[in-house]
Amino acid sequence: MLRVETQESVDALTFILEGRLTSEAAEHLRKLAAQCKTELRLVVDLTEVMFLDSVGEEVLSLFKRLGAQFVSETAYSRDVCQRLQLPLLRQDESHKHALRRPDNHGHRPRSDNEHVQADTQDP
């Protein structure tokens, strides 16, 4: 299952991914990105991704080719970024994302300009 949370700011669209980026969920993410404003900078937070398959890797590589920057704050997400040679968001910029991390109850603070995509299930 993959959870995709989107946050839009003045200059960036951020996808915060949680769970498994596989097959159908990866294709859903690709379609979601295609519907977004192209003039915004794309940031993809992989910190809470637990697994990705070859389709997930393809989607992340596509985002890389489109100029996306990535946030990775766990060993697994850092390994994914290194393996796929994904450009990381500068450390001083990624601290903004750290402030949005879930509290001890798993609740992430929300702003007025963000929404949560429905969870997608792998078949």
PDB file of N, CA and C in Angstrom:
ATOM      1  N   MET A   1       0.850  -1.173   0.000  1.00  0.00           N
ATOM      2  CA  MET A   1       0.000   0.000   0.000  1.00  0.00           C
ATOM      3  C   MET A   1       0.894   1.234   0.000  1.00  0.00           C
ATOM      4  N   LEU A   2       0.486   2.242  -0.727  1.00  0.00           N
ATOM      5  CA  LEU A   2       1.214   3.498  -0.807  1.00  0.00           C
ATOM      6  C   LEU A   2       0.281   4.634  -0.437  1.00  0.00           C
ATOM      7  N   ARG A   3       0.773   5.515   0.386  1.00  0.00           N
ATOM      8  CA  ARG A   3       0.051   6.738   0.734  1.00  0.00           C
ATOM      9  C   ARG A   3       0.826   7.890   0.117  1.00  0.00           C
ATOM     10  N   VAL A   4       0.128   8.749  -0.607  1.00  0.00           N
ATOM     11  CA  VAL A   4       0.742   9.909  -1.241  1.00  0.00           C
ATOM     12  C   VAL A   4       0.098  11.158  -0.673  1.00  0.00           C
ATOM     13  N   GLU A   5       0.904  11.980  -0.055  1.00  0.00           N
ATOM     14  CA  GLU A   5       0.431  13.272   0.449  1.00  0.00           C
ATOM     15  C   GLU A   5       1.072  14.342  -0.421  1.00  0.00           C
ATOM     16  N   THR A   6       0.274  15.303  -0.861  1.00  0.00           N
ATOM     17  CA  THR A   6       0.827  16.384  -1.669  1.00  0.00           C
ATOM     18  C   THR A   6       0.783  17.686  -0.890  1.00  0.00           C
ATOM     19  N   GLN A   7       1.829  18.457  -1.063  1.00  0.00           N
ATOM     20  CA  GLN A   7       1.904  19.795  -0.472  1.00  0.00           C
ATOM     21  C   GLN A   7       2.322  20.744  -1.585  1.00  0.00           C
ATOM     22  N   GLU A   8       1.586  21.827  -1.715  1.00  0.00           N
ATOM     23  CA  GLU A   8       1.921  22.810  -2.733  1.00  0.00           C
ATOM     24  C   GLU A   8       2.292  24.117  -2.061  1.00  0.00           C
ATOM     25  N   SER A   9       3.440  24.653  -2.460  1.00  0.00           N
ATOM     26  CA  SER A   9       3.854  25.964  -1.969  1.00  0.00           C
ATOM     27  C   SER A   9       3.938  26.892  -3.178  1.00  0.00           C
ATOM     28  N   VAL A  10       4.427  28.079  -2.964  1.00  0.00           N
ATOM     29  CA  VAL A  10       4.510  29.058  -4.040  1.00  0.00           C
ATOM     30  C   VAL A  10       5.368  28.543  -5.198  1.00  0.00           C
ATOM     31  N   ASP A  11       6.475  27.861  -4.886  1.00  0.00           N
ATOM     32  CA  ASP A  11       7.408  27.453  -5.934  1.00  0.00           C
ATOM     33  C   ASP A  11       7.619  25.949  -6.069  1.00  0.00           C
ATOM     34  N   ALA A  12       6.954  25.127  -5.236  1.00  0.00           N
ATOM     35  CA  ALA A  12       7.227  23.689  -5.283  1.00  0.00           C
ATOM     36  C   ALA A  12       5.975  22.856  -5.022  1.00  0.00           C
ATOM     37  N   LEU A  13       5.973  21.711  -5.645  1.00  0.00           N
ATOM     38  CA  LEU A  13       4.978  20.688  -5.367  1.00  0.00           C
ATOM     39  C   LEU A  13       5.731  19.525  -4.745  1.00  0.00           C
ATOM     40  N   THR A  14       5.302  19.112  -3.556  1.00  0.00           N
ATOM     41  CA  THR A  14       5.979  18.037  -2.843  1.00  0.00           C
ATOM     42  C   THR A  14       5.066  16.830  -2.737  1.00  0.00           C
ATOM     43  N   PHE A  15       5.608  15.683  -3.111  1.00  0.00           N
ATOM     44  CA  PHE A  15       4.942  14.403  -2.878  1.00  0.00           C
ATOM     45  C   PHE A  15       5.636  13.745  -1.695  1.00  0.00           C
ATOM     46  N   ILE A  16       4.883  13.441  -0.651  1.00  0.00           N
ATOM     47  CA  ILE A  16       5.411  12.710   0.495  1.00  0.00           C
ATOM     48  C   ILE A  16       4.862  11.293   0.383  1.00  0.00           C
ATOM     49  N   LEU A  17       5.755  10.345   0.183  1.00  0.00           N
ATOM     50  CA  LEU A  17       5.363   8.956  -0.051  1.00  0.00           C
ATOM     51  C   LEU A  17       5.572   8.137   1.213  1.00  0.00           C
ATOM     52  N   GLU A  18       4.609   7.260   1.496  1.00  0.00           N
ATOM     53  CA  GLU A  18       4.704   6.373   2.653  1.00  0.00           C
ATOM     54  C   GLU A  18       4.251   4.979   2.240  1.00  0.00           C
ATOM     55  N   GLY A  19       5.095   3.993   2.472  1.00  0.00           N
ATOM     56  CA  GLY A  19       4.700   2.616   2.194  1.00  0.00           C
ATOM     57  C   GLY A  19       5.493   2.000   1.071  1.00  0.00           C
ATOM     58  N   ARG A  20       4.790   1.217   0.227  1.00  0.00           N
ATOM     59  CA  ARG A  20       5.404   0.432  -0.835  1.00  0.00           C
ATOM     60  C   ARG A  20       5.112   1.070  -2.192  1.00  0.00           C
ATOM     61  N   LEU A  21       6.163   1.445  -2.902  1.00  0.00           N
ATOM     62  CA  LEU A  21       6.024   2.049  -4.223  1.00  0.00           C
ATOM     63  C   LEU A  21       6.199   0.931  -5.258  1.00  0.00           C
ATOM     64  N   THR A  22       5.095   0.268  -5.577  1.00  0.00           N
ATOM     65  CA  THR A  22       5.141  -0.875  -6.481  1.00  0.00           C
ATOM     66  C   THR A  22       4.052  -0.759  -7.535  1.00  0.00           C
ATOM     67  N   SER A  23       4.268  -1.417  -8.639  1.00  0.00           N
ATOM     68  CA  SER A  23       3.352  -1.605  -9.772  1.00  0.00           C
ATOM     69  C   SER A  23       2.241  -0.569  -9.891  1.00  0.00           C
ATOM     70  N   GLU A  24       1.043  -0.954  -9.479  1.00  0.00           N
ATOM     71  CA  GLU A  24      -0.140  -0.113  -9.661  1.00  0.00           C
ATOM     72  C   GLU A  24      -0.003   1.225  -8.934  1.00  0.00           C
ATOM     73  N   ALA A  25       0.541   1.210  -7.731  1.00  0.00           N
ATOM     74  CA  ALA A  25       0.710   2.453  -6.974  1.00  0.00           C
ATOM     75  C   ALA A  25       1.696   3.382  -7.679  1.00  0.00           C
ATOM     76  N   ALA A  26       2.758   2.812  -8.254  1.00  0.00           N
ATOM     77  CA  ALA A  26       3.740   3.628  -8.975  1.00  0.00           C
ATOM     78  C   ALA A  26       3.114   4.248 -10.216  1.00  0.00           C
ATOM     79  N   GLU A  27       2.304   3.481 -10.922  1.00  0.00           N
ATOM     80  CA  GLU A  27       1.616   4.019 -12.096  1.00  0.00           C
ATOM     81  C   GLU A  27       0.645   5.130 -11.693  1.00  0.00           C
ATOM     82  N   HIS A  28      -0.034   4.950 -10.569  1.00  0.00           N
ATOM     83  CA  HIS A  28      -0.939   5.984 -10.048  1.00  0.00           C
ATOM     84  C   HIS A  28      -0.149   7.266  -9.754  1.00  0.00           C
ATOM     85  N   LEU A  29       1.022   7.123  -9.155  1.00  0.00           N
ATOM     86  CA  LEU A  29       1.861   8.284  -8.844  1.00  0.00           C
ATOM     87  C   LEU A  29       2.306   8.984 -10.122  1.00  0.00           C
ATOM     88  N   ARG A  30       2.651   8.203 -11.136  1.00  0.00           N
ATOM     89  CA  ARG A  30       3.063   8.788 -12.419  1.00  0.00           C
ATOM     90  C   ARG A  30       1.913   9.621 -13.007  1.00  0.00           C
ATOM     91  N   LYS A  31       0.697   9.088 -12.969  1.00  0.00           N
ATOM     92  CA  LYS A  31      -0.470   9.801 -13.494  1.00  0.00           C
ATOM     93  C   LYS A  31      -0.763  11.050 -12.678  1.00  0.00           C
ATOM     94  N   LEU A  32      -0.611  10.945 -11.361  1.00  0.00           N
ATOM     95  CA  LEU A  32      -0.828  12.097 -10.490  1.00  0.00           C
ATOM     96  C   LEU A  32       0.141  13.221 -10.835  1.00  0.00           C
ATOM     97  N   ALA A  33       1.394  12.881 -11.045  1.00  0.00           N
ATOM     98  CA  ALA A  33       2.406  13.886 -11.388  1.00  0.00           C
ATOM     99  C   ALA A  33       2.103  14.530 -12.740  1.00  0.00           C
ATOM    100  N   ALA A  34       1.582  13.747 -13.668  1.00  0.00           N
ATOM    101  CA  ALA A  34       1.272  14.277 -15.001  1.00  0.00           C
ATOM    102  C   ALA A  34       0.159  15.322 -14.949  1.00  0.00           C
ATOM    103  N   GLN A  35      -0.698  15.255 -13.934  1.00  0.00           N
ATOM    104  CA  GLN A  35      -1.809  16.187 -13.800  1.00  0.00           C
ATOM    105  C   GLN A  35      -1.429  17.478 -13.083  1.00  0.00           C
ATOM    106  N   CYS A  36      -0.216  17.556 -12.567  1.00  0.00           N
ATOM    107  CA  CYS A  36       0.194  18.699 -11.742  1.00  0.00           C
ATOM    108  C   CYS A  36       0.750  19.830 -12.586  1.00  0.00           C
ATOM    109  N   LYS A  37       0.830  20.985 -11.960  1.00  0.00           N
ATOM    110  CA  LYS A  37       1.371  22.177 -12.619  1.00  0.00           C
ATOM    111  C   LYS A  37       2.839  21.957 -12.953  1.00  0.00           C
ATOM    112  N   THR A  38       3.190  22.136 -14.216  1.00  0.00           N
ATOM    113  CA  THR A  38       4.555  21.866 -14.647  1.00  0.00           C
ATOM    114  C   THR A  38       5.525  22.986 -14.289  1.00  0.00           C
ATOM    115  N   GLU A  39       5.021  24.170 -13.972  1.00  0.00           N
ATOM    116  CA  GLU A  39       5.935  25.268 -13.653  1.00  0.00           C
ATOM    117  C   GLU A  39       6.474  25.191 -12.220  1.00  0.00           C
ATOM    118  N   LEU A  40       5.906  24.314 -11.406  1.00  0.00           N
ATOM    119  CA  LEU A  40       6.384  24.167 -10.034  1.00  0.00           C
ATOM    120  C   LEU A  40       7.540  23.174  -9.964  1.00  0.00           C
ATOM    121  N   ARG A  41       8.464  23.446  -9.073  1.00  0.00           N
ATOM    122  CA  ARG A  41       9.573  22.532  -8.811  1.00  0.00           C
ATOM    123  C   ARG A  41       8.999  21.302  -8.105  1.00  0.00           C
ATOM    124  N   LEU A  42       9.441  20.118  -8.486  1.00  0.00           N
ATOM    125  CA  LEU A  42       8.940  18.879  -7.902  1.00  0.00           C
ATOM    126  C   LEU A  42       9.918  18.359  -6.853  1.00  0.00           C
ATOM    127  N   VAL A  43       9.389  18.083  -5.656  1.00  0.00           N
ATOM    128  CA  VAL A  43      10.164  17.495  -4.564  1.00  0.00           C
ATOM    129  C   VAL A  43       9.457  16.200  -4.173  1.00  0.00           C
ATOM    130  N   VAL A  44      10.232  15.128  -4.047  1.00  0.00           N
ATOM    131  CA  VAL A  44       9.675  13.831  -3.681  1.00  0.00           C
ATOM    132  C   VAL A  44      10.350  13.369  -2.398  1.00  0.00           C
ATOM    133  N   ASP A  45       9.560  13.227  -1.340  1.00  0.00           N
ATOM    134  CA  ASP A  45      10.074  12.787  -0.040  1.00  0.00           C
ATOM    135  C   ASP A  45       9.924  11.272   0.050  1.00  0.00           C
ATOM    136  N   LEU A  46      11.051  10.576   0.048  1.00  0.00           N
ATOM    137  CA  LEU A  46      11.084   9.116   0.079  1.00  0.00           C
ATOM    138  C   LEU A  46      11.331   8.555   1.472  1.00  0.00           C
ATOM    139  N   THR A  47      11.393   9.403   2.471  1.00  0.00           N
ATOM    140  CA  THR A  47      11.793   8.996   3.811  1.00  0.00           C
ATOM    141  C   THR A  47      10.978   7.825   4.349  1.00  0.00           C
ATOM    142  N   GLU A  48       9.679   7.808   4.107  1.00  0.00           N
ATOM    143  CA  GLU A  48       8.813   6.765   4.663  1.00  0.00           C
ATOM    144  C   GLU A  48       8.518   5.629   3.685  1.00  0.00           C
ATOM    145  N   VAL A  49       9.250   5.575   2.567  1.00  0.00           N
ATOM    146  CA  VAL A  49       9.085   4.465   1.632  1.00  0.00           C
ATOM    147  C   VAL A  49       9.812   3.253   2.196  1.00  0.00           C
ATOM    148  N   MET A  50       9.110   2.122   2.247  1.00  0.00           N
ATOM    149  CA  MET A  50       9.678   0.898   2.821  1.00  0.00           C
ATOM    150  C   MET A  50      10.183  -0.060   1.759  1.00  0.00           C
ATOM    151  N   PHE A  51       9.658   0.048   0.528  1.00  0.00           N
ATOM    152  CA  PHE A  51      10.037  -0.881  -0.525  1.00  0.00           C
ATOM    153  C   PHE A  51       9.644  -0.290  -1.864  1.00  0.00           C
ATOM    154  N   LEU A  52      10.441  -0.567  -2.904  1.00  0.00           N
ATOM    155  CA  LEU A  52      10.009  -0.244  -4.248  1.00  0.00           C
ATOM    156  C   LEU A  52      10.479  -1.326  -5.204  1.00  0.00           C
ATOM    157  N   ASP A  53       9.660  -1.573  -6.227  1.00  0.00           N
ATOM    158  CA  ASP A  53      10.005  -2.567  -7.233  1.00  0.00           C
ATOM    159  C   ASP A  53      10.530  -1.845  -8.477  1.00  0.00           C
ATOM    160  N   SER A  54      10.708  -2.600  -9.569  1.00  0.00           N
ATOM    161  CA  SER A  54      11.279  -2.011 -10.781  1.00  0.00           C
ATOM    162  C   SER A  54      10.379  -0.920 -11.375  1.00  0.00           C
ATOM    163  N   VAL A  55       9.058  -1.053 -11.233  1.00  0.00           N
ATOM    164  CA  VAL A  55       8.152  -0.011 -11.739  1.00  0.00           C
ATOM    165  C   VAL A  55       8.317   1.255 -10.894  1.00  0.00           C
ATOM    166  N   GLY A  56       8.425   1.092  -9.587  1.00  0.00           N
ATOM    167  CA  GLY A  56       8.672   2.231  -8.712  1.00  0.00           C
ATOM    168  C   GLY A  56       9.982   2.919  -9.056  1.00  0.00           C
ATOM    169  N   GLU A  57      11.014   2.133  -9.337  1.00  0.00           N
ATOM    170  CA  GLU A  57      12.303   2.703  -9.732  1.00  0.00           C
ATOM    171  C   GLU A  57      12.173   3.489 -11.030  1.00  0.00           C
ATOM    172  N   GLU A  58      11.405   2.955 -11.985  1.00  0.00           N
ATOM    173  CA  GLU A  58      11.198   3.649 -13.258  1.00  0.00           C
ATOM    174  C   GLU A  58      10.527   5.002 -13.051  1.00  0.00           C
ATOM    175  N   VAL A  59       9.531   5.043 -12.178  1.00  0.00           N
ATOM    176  CA  VAL A  59       8.816   6.300 -11.918  1.00  0.00           C
ATOM    177  C   VAL A  59       9.757   7.313 -11.262  1.00  0.00           C
ATOM    178  N   LEU A  60      10.551   6.878 -10.292  1.00  0.00           N
ATOM    179  CA  LEU A  60      11.498   7.795  -9.658  1.00  0.00           C
ATOM    180  C   LEU A  60      12.543   8.291 -10.656  1.00  0.00           C
ATOM    181  N   SER A  61      12.991   7.416 -11.547  1.00  0.00           N
ATOM    182  CA  SER A  61      13.945   7.832 -12.580  1.00  0.00           C
ATOM    183  C   SER A  61      13.309   8.835 -13.536  1.00  0.00           C
ATOM    184  N   LEU A  62      12.029   8.652 -13.844  1.00  0.00           N
ATOM    185  CA  LEU A  62      11.308   9.624 -14.671  1.00  0.00           C
ATOM    186  C   LEU A  62      11.266  10.976 -13.961  1.00  0.00           C
ATOM    187  N   PHE A  63      10.939  10.964 -12.674  1.00  0.00           N
ATOM    188  CA  PHE A  63      10.910  12.218 -11.908  1.00  0.00           C
ATOM    189  C   PHE A  63      12.278  12.892 -11.931  1.00  0.00           C
ATOM    190  N   LYS A  64      13.335  12.100 -11.835  1.00  0.00           N
ATOM    191  CA  LYS A  64      14.696  12.642 -11.904  1.00  0.00           C
ATOM    192  C   LYS A  64      14.907  13.350 -13.234  1.00  0.00           C
ATOM    193  N   ARG A  65      14.497  12.706 -14.335  1.00  0.00           N
ATOM    194  CA  ARG A  65      14.653  13.315 -15.662  1.00  0.00           C
ATOM    195  C   ARG A  65      13.833  14.588 -15.807  1.00  0.00           C
ATOM    196  N   LEU A  66      12.745  14.680 -15.052  1.00  0.00           N
ATOM    197  CA  LEU A  66      11.903  15.880 -15.088  1.00  0.00           C
ATOM    198  C   LEU A  66      12.427  16.980 -14.168  1.00  0.00           C
ATOM    199  N   GLY A  67      13.542  16.719 -13.470  1.00  0.00           N
ATOM    200  CA  GLY A  67      14.167  17.735 -12.631  1.00  0.00           C
ATOM    201  C   GLY A  67      13.789  17.687 -11.163  1.00  0.00           C
ATOM    202  N   ALA A  68      13.156  16.607 -10.727  1.00  0.00           N
ATOM    203  CA  ALA A  68      12.759  16.496  -9.317  1.00  0.00           C
ATOM    204  C   ALA A  68      13.976  16.427  -8.405  1.00  0.00           C
ATOM    205  N   GLN A  69      13.766  16.868  -7.174  1.00  0.00           N
ATOM    206  CA  GLN A  69      14.755  16.708  -6.110  1.00  0.00           C
ATOM    207  C   GLN A  69      14.124  15.815  -5.057  1.00  0.00           C
ATOM    208  N   PHE A  70      14.954  15.097  -4.320  1.00  0.00           N
ATOM    209  CA  PHE A  70      14.467  14.071  -3.414  1.00  0.00           C
ATOM    210  C   PHE A  70      14.919  14.326  -1.986  1.00  0.00           C
ATOM    211  N   VAL A  71      14.064  13.923  -1.045  1.00  0.00           N
ATOM    212  CA  VAL A  71      14.363  13.994   0.379  1.00  0.00           C
ATOM    213  C   VAL A  71      14.457  12.558   0.868  1.00  0.00           C
ATOM    214  N   SER A  72      15.529  12.249   1.591  1.00  0.00           N
ATOM    215  CA  SER A  72      15.688  10.899   2.138  1.00  0.00           C
ATOM    216  C   SER A  72      16.355  11.017   3.497  1.00  0.00           C
ATOM    217  N   GLU A  73      15.659  10.558   4.533  1.00  0.00           N
ATOM    218  CA  GLU A  73      16.172  10.689   5.891  1.00  0.00           C
ATOM    219  C   GLU A  73      16.289   9.346   6.603  1.00  0.00           C
ATOM    220  N   THR A  74      16.158   8.254   5.849  1.00  0.00           N
ATOM    221  CA  THR A  74      16.342   6.926   6.430  1.00  0.00           C
ATOM    222  C   THR A  74      17.391   6.187   5.611  1.00  0.00           C
ATOM    223  N   ALA A  75      17.941   5.129   6.182  1.00  0.00           N
ATOM    224  CA  ALA A  75      18.969   4.356   5.486  1.00  0.00           C
ATOM    225  C   ALA A  75      18.436   3.796   4.166  1.00  0.00           C
ATOM    226  N   TYR A  76      17.215   3.249   4.192  1.00  0.00           N
ATOM    227  CA  TYR A  76      16.663   2.669   2.967  1.00  0.00           C
ATOM    228  C   TYR A  76      16.467   3.734   1.890  1.00  0.00           C
ATOM    229  N   SER A  77      15.870   4.865   2.254  1.00  0.00           N
ATOM    230  CA  SER A  77      15.618   5.901   1.249  1.00  0.00           C
ATOM    231  C   SER A  77      16.928   6.510   0.734  1.00  0.00           C
ATOM    232  N   ARG A  78      17.931   6.627   1.599  1.00  0.00           N
ATOM    233  CA  ARG A  78      19.242   7.108   1.135  1.00  0.00           C
ATOM    234  C   ARG A  78      19.870   6.112   0.167  1.00  0.00           C
ATOM    235  N   ASP A  79      19.708   4.807   0.446  1.00  0.00           N
ATOM    236  CA  ASP A  79      20.228   3.775  -0.447  1.00  0.00           C
ATOM    237  C   ASP A  79      19.549   3.849  -1.807  1.00  0.00           C
ATOM    238  N   VAL A  80      18.242   4.032  -1.815  1.00  0.00           N
ATOM    239  CA  VAL A  80      17.493   4.158  -3.074  1.00  0.00           C
ATOM    240  C   VAL A  80      18.019   5.349  -3.870  1.00  0.00           C
ATOM    241  N   CYS A  81      18.174   6.478  -3.213  1.00  0.00           N
ATOM    242  CA  CYS A  81      18.656   7.685  -3.902  1.00  0.00           C
ATOM    243  C   CYS A  81      20.064   7.479  -4.453  1.00  0.00           C
ATOM    244  N   GLN A  82      20.910   6.823  -3.683  1.00  0.00           N
ATOM    245  CA  GLN A  82      22.279   6.574  -4.142  1.00  0.00           C
ATOM    246  C   GLN A  82      22.282   5.598  -5.320  1.00  0.00           C
ATOM    247  N   ARG A  83      21.517   4.519  -5.209  1.00  0.00           N
ATOM    248  CA  ARG A  83      21.481   3.491  -6.245  1.00  0.00           C
ATOM    249  C   ARG A  83      20.942   4.030  -7.564  1.00  0.00           C
ATOM    250  N   LEU A  84      19.897   4.861  -7.491  1.00  0.00           N
ATOM    251  CA  LEU A  84      19.272   5.418  -8.696  1.00  0.00           C
ATOM    252  C   LEU A  84      19.867   6.769  -9.086  1.00  0.00           C
ATOM    253  N   GLN A  85      20.846   7.224  -8.312  1.00  0.00           N
ATOM    254  CA  GLN A  85      21.504   8.516  -8.543  1.00  0.00           C
ATOM    255  C   GLN A  85      20.485   9.656  -8.608  1.00  0.00           C
ATOM    256  N   LEU A  86      19.608   9.686  -7.598  1.00  0.00           N
ATOM    257  CA  LEU A  86      18.585  10.726  -7.512  1.00  0.00           C
ATOM    258  C   LEU A  86      19.154  11.941  -6.801  1.00  0.00           C
ATOM    259  N   PRO A  87      18.938  13.135  -7.324  1.00  0.00           N
ATOM    260  CA  PRO A  87      19.478  14.349  -6.699  1.00  0.00           C
ATOM    261  C   PRO A  87      18.748  14.672  -5.394  1.00  0.00           C
ATOM    262  N   LEU A  88      19.518  14.854  -4.344  1.00  0.00           N
ATOM    263  CA  LEU A  88      18.942  15.168  -3.037  1.00  0.00           C
ATOM    264  C   LEU A  88      18.732  16.662  -2.887  1.00  0.00           C
ATOM    265  N   LEU A  89      17.668  17.007  -2.195  1.00  0.00           N
ATOM    266  CA  LEU A  89      17.405  18.394  -1.849  1.00  0.00           C
ATOM    267  C   LEU A  89      18.494  18.841  -0.890  1.00  0.00           C
ATOM    268  N   ARG A  90      18.956  20.046  -1.033  1.00  0.00           N
ATOM    269  CA  ARG A  90      20.004  20.544  -0.137  1.00  0.00           C
ATOM    270  C   ARG A  90      19.568  20.424   1.309  1.00  0.00           C
ATOM    271  N   GLN A  91      20.522  20.191   2.195  1.00  0.00           N
ATOM    272  CA  GLN A  91      20.242  19.978   3.614  1.00  0.00           C
ATOM    273  C   GLN A  91      19.462  21.149   4.224  1.00  0.00           C
ATOM    274  N   ASP A  92      19.806  22.396   3.874  1.00  0.00           N
ATOM    275  CA  ASP A  92      19.113  23.548   4.456  1.00  0.00           C
ATOM    276  C   ASP A  92      17.677  23.659   3.959  1.00  0.00           C
ATOM    277  N   GLU A  93      17.365  23.102   2.795  1.00  0.00           N
ATOM    278  CA  GLU A  93      15.994  23.120   2.305  1.00  0.00           C
ATOM    279  C   GLU A  93      15.187  21.960   2.863  1.00  0.00           C
ATOM    280  N   SER A  94      15.832  20.810   3.082  1.00  0.00           N
ATOM    281  CA  SER A  94      15.087  19.628   3.525  1.00  0.00           C
ATOM    282  C   SER A  94      14.657  19.730   4.980  1.00  0.00           C
ATOM    283  N   HIS A  95      15.217  20.667   5.752  1.00  0.00           N
ATOM    284  CA  HIS A  95      14.782  20.804   7.150  1.00  0.00           C
ATOM    285  C   HIS A  95      13.314  21.203   7.228  1.00  0.00           C
ATOM    286  N   LYS A  96      12.804  21.857   6.198  1.00  0.00           N
ATOM    287  CA  LYS A  96      11.382  22.211   6.165  1.00  0.00           C
ATOM    288  C   LYS A  96      10.527  20.947   6.222  1.00  0.00           C
ATOM    289  N   HIS A  97      10.987  19.907   5.534  1.00  0.00           N
ATOM    290  CA  HIS A  97      10.237  18.657   5.511  1.00  0.00           C
ATOM    291  C   HIS A  97      10.302  17.947   6.850  1.00  0.00           C
ATOM    292  N   ALA A  98      11.407  18.077   7.551  1.00  0.00           N
ATOM    293  CA  ALA A  98      11.541  17.422   8.852  1.00  0.00           C
ATOM    294  C   ALA A  98      10.507  17.962   9.837  1.00  0.00           C
ATOM    295  N   LEU A  99      10.151  19.213   9.701  1.00  0.00           N
ATOM    296  CA  LEU A  99       9.154  19.801  10.586  1.00  0.00           C
ATOM    297  C   LEU A  99       7.772  19.212  10.341  1.00  0.00           C
ATOM    298  N   ARG A 100       7.569  18.574   9.209  1.00  0.00           N
ATOM    299  CA  ARG A 100       6.273  18.035   8.834  1.00  0.00           C
ATOM    300  C   ARG A 100       6.154  16.557   9.193  1.00  0.00           C
ATOM    301  N   ARG A 101       7.125  16.004   9.873  1.00  0.00           N
ATOM    302  CA  ARG A 101       7.108  14.581  10.223  1.00  0.00           C
ATOM    303  C   ARG A 101       6.007  14.300  11.232  1.00  0.00           C
ATOM    304  N   PRO A 102       5.503  13.060  11.223  1.00  0.00           N
ATOM    305  CA  PRO A 102       4.425  12.696  12.153  1.00  0.00           C
ATOM    306  C   PRO A 102       4.857  12.801  13.613  1.00  0.00           C
ATOM    307  N   ASP A 103       3.887  13.067  14.474  1.00  0.00           N
ATOM    308  CA  ASP A 103       4.162  13.083  15.907  1.00  0.00           C
ATOM    309  C   ASP A 103       4.172  11.646  16.431  1.00  0.00           C
ATOM    310  N   ASN A 104       4.219  11.469  17.748  1.00  0.00           N
ATOM    311  CA  ASN A 104       4.286  10.131  18.337  1.00  0.00           C
ATOM    312  C   ASN A 104       3.055   9.284  18.063  1.00  0.00           C
ATOM    313  N   HIS A 105       1.967   9.920  17.636  1.00  0.00           N
ATOM    314  CA  HIS A 105       0.731   9.204  17.345  1.00  0.00           C
ATOM    315  C   HIS A 105       0.553   8.968  15.845  1.00  0.00           C
ATOM    316  N   GLY A 106       1.557   9.315  15.055  1.00  0.00           N
ATOM    317  CA  GLY A 106       1.480   9.114  13.612  1.00  0.00           C
ATOM    318  C   GLY A 106       0.748  10.205  12.865  1.00  0.00           C
ATOM    319  N   HIS A 107       0.422  11.300  13.541  1.00  0.00           N
ATOM    320  CA  HIS A 107      -0.304  12.398  12.898  1.00  0.00           C
ATOM    321  C   HIS A 107       0.680  13.428  12.374  1.00  0.00           C
ATOM    322  N   ARG A 108       0.528  13.771  11.129  1.00  0.00           N
ATOM    323  CA  ARG A 108       1.384  14.766  10.495  1.00  0.00           C
ATOM    324  C   ARG A 108       0.624  16.094  10.462  1.00  0.00           C
ATOM    325  N   PRO A 109       1.248  17.186  10.878  1.00  0.00           N
ATOM    326  CA  PRO A 109       0.553  18.478  10.812  1.00  0.00           C
ATOM    327  C   PRO A 109       0.258  18.845   9.368  1.00  0.00           C
ATOM    328  N   ARG A 110      -0.874  19.462   9.123  1.00  0.00           N
ATOM    329  CA  ARG A 110      -1.276  19.851   7.778  1.00  0.00           C
ATOM    330  C   ARG A 110      -1.374  21.364   7.663  1.00  0.00           C
ATOM    331  N   SER A 111      -1.170  21.827   6.440  1.00  0.00           N
ATOM    332  CA  SER A 111      -1.393  23.236   6.162  1.00  0.00           C
ATOM    333  C   SER A 111      -2.668  23.350   5.340  1.00  0.00           C
ATOM    334  N   ASP A 112      -3.127  24.558   5.118  1.00  0.00           N
ATOM    335  CA  ASP A 112      -4.375  24.772   4.388  1.00  0.00           C
ATOM    336  C   ASP A 112      -4.270  24.396   2.918  1.00  0.00           C
ATOM    337  N   ASN A 113      -3.047  24.391   2.360  1.00  0.00           N
ATOM    338  CA  ASN A 113      -2.903  24.153   0.926  1.00  0.00           C
ATOM    339  C   ASN A 113      -2.393  22.751   0.619  1.00  0.00           C
ATOM    340  N   GLU A 114      -2.781  21.772   1.414  1.00  0.00           N
ATOM    341  CA  GLU A 114      -2.346  20.414   1.142  1.00  0.00           C
ATOM    342  C   GLU A 114      -3.517  19.468   1.242  1.00  0.00           C
ATOM    343  N   HIS A 115      -3.429  18.367   0.541  1.00  0.00           N
ATOM    344  CA  HIS A 115      -4.450  17.343   0.637  1.00  0.00           C
ATOM    345  C   HIS A 115      -3.789  15.975   0.577  1.00  0.00           C
ATOM    346  N   VAL A 116      -4.526  14.967   0.984  1.00  0.00           N
ATOM    347  CA  VAL A 116      -4.004  13.610   1.027  1.00  0.00           C
ATOM    348  C   VAL A 116      -4.700  12.797  -0.051  1.00  0.00           C
ATOM    349  N   GLN A 117      -3.920  12.146  -0.900  1.00  0.00           N
ATOM    350  CA  GLN A 117      -4.464  11.240  -1.895  1.00  0.00           C
ATOM    351  C   GLN A 117      -4.929   9.988  -1.187  1.00  0.00           C
ATOM    352  N   ALA A 118      -5.892   9.333  -1.763  1.00  0.00           N
ATOM    353  CA  ALA A 118      -6.376   8.078  -1.201  1.00  0.00           C
ATOM    354  C   ALA A 118      -5.265   7.045  -1.240  1.00  0.00           C
ATOM    355  N   ASP A 119      -5.239   6.193  -0.234  1.00  0.00           N
ATOM    356  CA  ASP A 119      -4.291   5.099  -0.212  1.00  0.00           C
ATOM    357  C   ASP A 119      -4.555   4.203  -1.412  1.00  0.00           C
ATOM    358  N   THR A 120      -3.499   3.644  -1.974  1.00  0.00           N
ATOM    359  CA  THR A 120      -3.657   2.700  -3.073  1.00  0.00           C
ATOM    360  C   THR A 120      -3.142   1.355  -2.624  1.00  0.00           C
ATOM    361  N   GLN A 121      -3.839   0.321  -2.998  1.00  0.00           N
ATOM    362  CA  GLN A 121      -3.471  -1.043  -2.630  1.00  0.00           C
ATOM    363  C   GLN A 121      -2.776  -1.703  -3.792  1.00  0.00           C
ATOM    364  N   ASP A 122      -1.724  -2.479  -3.521  1.00  0.00           N
ATOM    365  CA  ASP A 122      -1.131  -3.321  -4.539  1.00  0.00           C
ATOM    366  C   ASP A 122      -2.046  -4.512  -4.739  1.00  0.00           C
ATOM    367  N   PRO A 123      -2.125  -5.021  -5.978  1.00  0.00           N
ATOM    368  CA  PRO A 123      -3.014  -6.180  -6.211  1.00  0.00           C
ATOM    369  C   PRO A 123      -2.519  -7.410  -5.495  1.00  0.00           C
TER     370      PRO A 123
END
